[in-house]
Protein backbone atom coordinates (compact mmCIF):
# COMPACT_ATOMS: atom_id res chain seq x y z
CA LEU A 1 14.74 5.53 1.33
CA PRO A 2 16.58 7.51 -1.20
CA ILE A 3 20.34 6.70 -1.54
CA SER A 4 21.05 8.45 -4.90
CA PRO A 5 19.18 9.92 -7.90
CA THR A 6 18.93 6.35 -9.33
CA GLU A 7 18.81 4.30 -5.97
CA THR A 8 16.36 3.75 -3.37
CA ARG A 9 16.48 1.45 -0.40
CA THR A 10 13.42 -0.24 0.77
CA PHE A 11 12.48 -2.26 3.77
CA TYR A 12 9.39 -4.27 4.93
CA ILE A 13 8.05 -4.92 8.39
CA PHE A 14 6.04 -7.89 8.85
CA LEU A 15 3.74 -7.93 12.12
CA TRP A 16 2.68 -11.43 12.78
CA GLY A 17 -0.22 -11.81 15.19
CA PRO A 18 -1.06 -15.19 16.90
CA ILE A 19 -0.96 -18.16 14.58
CA THR A 20 -3.56 -20.67 15.30
CA VAL A 21 -4.25 -24.01 13.92
CA PHE A 22 -7.70 -24.59 12.44
CA GLY A 23 -8.54 -21.04 13.71
CA LYS A 24 -8.78 -22.16 17.41
CA VAL A 25 -5.46 -23.78 18.72
CA PRO A 26 -2.59 -21.42 19.13
CA LEU A 27 0.61 -22.58 17.58
CA PRO A 28 3.38 -23.24 20.14
CA ASN A 29 6.36 -20.84 20.29
CA ALA A 30 8.71 -23.75 19.63
CA VAL A 31 6.99 -24.46 16.33
CA ARG A 32 6.17 -20.79 15.52
CA GLY A 33 9.85 -19.70 15.17
CA PRO A 34 10.83 -22.32 12.63
CA LEU A 35 7.64 -22.08 10.66
CA LEU A 36 8.12 -18.28 10.23
CA TYR A 37 11.61 -18.74 9.30
CA LEU A 38 10.71 -21.18 6.53
CA SER A 39 7.95 -19.06 5.21
CA HIS A 40 10.14 -16.10 4.93
CA LYS A 41 13.01 -18.18 3.30
CA PHE A 42 10.81 -20.04 0.79
CA TYR A 43 7.68 -17.68 0.31
CA LEU A 44 8.45 -14.14 1.29
CA ARG A 45 11.90 -13.61 0.03
CA PRO A 46 11.31 -15.09 -3.38
CA LEU A 47 7.85 -13.03 -3.62
CA LEU A 48 9.69 -9.82 -2.73
CA GLY A 49 12.54 -10.73 -5.09
CA GLN A 50 10.08 -10.66 -7.98
CA ASP A 51 9.01 -7.14 -6.84
CA ARG A 52 12.64 -6.10 -6.69
CA TYR A 53 13.36 -7.43 -10.16
CA ALA A 54 10.25 -5.72 -11.71
CA LEU A 55 11.01 -2.44 -10.01
CA GLU A 56 14.72 -2.49 -11.09
CA GLU A 57 13.48 -3.22 -14.82
CA GLU A 58 11.09 -0.49 -14.67
CA GLN A 59 13.59 2.08 -13.37
CA GLN A 60 16.20 1.14 -15.90
CA ARG A 61 13.62 1.37 -18.61
CA HIS A 62 12.57 4.85 -17.35
CA SER A 63 16.16 5.91 -17.21
CA VAL A 64 16.64 5.11 -20.96
CA HIS A 65 13.25 6.13 -22.14
CA TYR A 66 12.41 9.00 -19.77
CA ASP A 67 10.48 10.74 -22.49
CA LYS A 68 7.96 8.08 -23.34
CA HIS A 69 4.80 7.12 -21.70
CA ALA A 70 4.71 4.11 -19.60
CA VAL A 71 2.07 1.41 -20.30
CA GLU A 72 0.65 -0.34 -17.17
CA LEU A 73 -0.04 -3.80 -17.80
CA ASN A 74 -1.48 -4.57 -14.51
CA PRO A 75 -5.37 -3.83 -14.42
CA LEU A 76 -5.37 -3.63 -10.61
CA VAL A 77 -3.07 -0.49 -10.88
CA SER A 78 -5.56 1.27 -13.18
CA ALA A 79 -8.36 0.30 -10.98
CA PHE A 80 -6.87 1.39 -7.84
CA GLN A 81 -6.06 4.89 -9.43
CA LYS A 82 -9.65 5.04 -10.56
CA LEU A 83 -11.07 4.03 -7.07
CA SER A 84 -8.68 6.63 -5.40
CA ILE A 85 -10.05 9.38 -7.69
CA GLU A 86 -13.67 8.44 -7.11
CA LYS A 87 -13.29 8.47 -3.27
CA TRP A 88 -11.46 11.84 -3.65
CA ASP A 89 -14.23 13.26 -5.49
CA GLU A 90 -16.80 11.77 -3.10
CA TYR A 91 -14.93 13.20 -0.12
CA LEU A 92 -14.83 16.54 -1.91
CA LYS A 93 -18.59 16.43 -2.33
CA THR A 94 -19.36 15.38 1.22
CA GLU A 95 -16.93 18.38 2.48
CA ALA A 96 -18.87 20.84 0.29
CA GLU A 97 -22.13 19.49 1.56
CA ARG A 98 -20.93 19.81 5.26
CA GLN A 99 -19.63 23.34 4.69
CA ALA A 100 -22.83 24.38 3.18
CA ARG A 101 -24.92 23.37 6.19
CA THR A 102 -22.55 24.27 8.92
CA PRO A 103 -22.06 27.98 10.18
CA THR A 104 -18.63 29.07 8.87
CA ALA A 105 -17.40 29.62 12.58
CA GLN A 106 -17.90 25.88 13.36
CA TRP A 107 -17.06 24.29 10.06
CA ARG A 108 -13.37 23.70 10.81
CA LEU A 109 -14.11 22.41 14.20
CA THR A 110 -16.38 19.50 13.11
CA ALA A 111 -15.43 15.97 11.95
CA GLY A 112 -14.56 15.80 8.32
CA ALA A 113 -15.13 13.28 5.53
CA GLY A 114 -18.96 13.40 6.06
CA LEU A 115 -18.72 12.07 9.48
CA GLN A 116 -20.88 13.45 12.27
């Protein structure tokens, strides 16, 4: 959520489903609450703290060096961007094929993304 031109507030919502032991026995609620508290305190907060630190540093560097290109060191980011572009191109191709074989009056009424 934007606060100012240089500040943003973020929040996370974690939806926990049933927790089972060995994949079969449901964890009792008396144990579940303390377990979730401990996992939040010792795992999730430190993990999200690392993200916060990285984003703050990235924003500070961008504020100072706004005219320079950023180098992405994480190979997953570029792989995800490449996959997103490939999937978009695939979608455009299937839509063009669908439009070519569907009468114009019905084209917008049919399912998209190559679904039939």
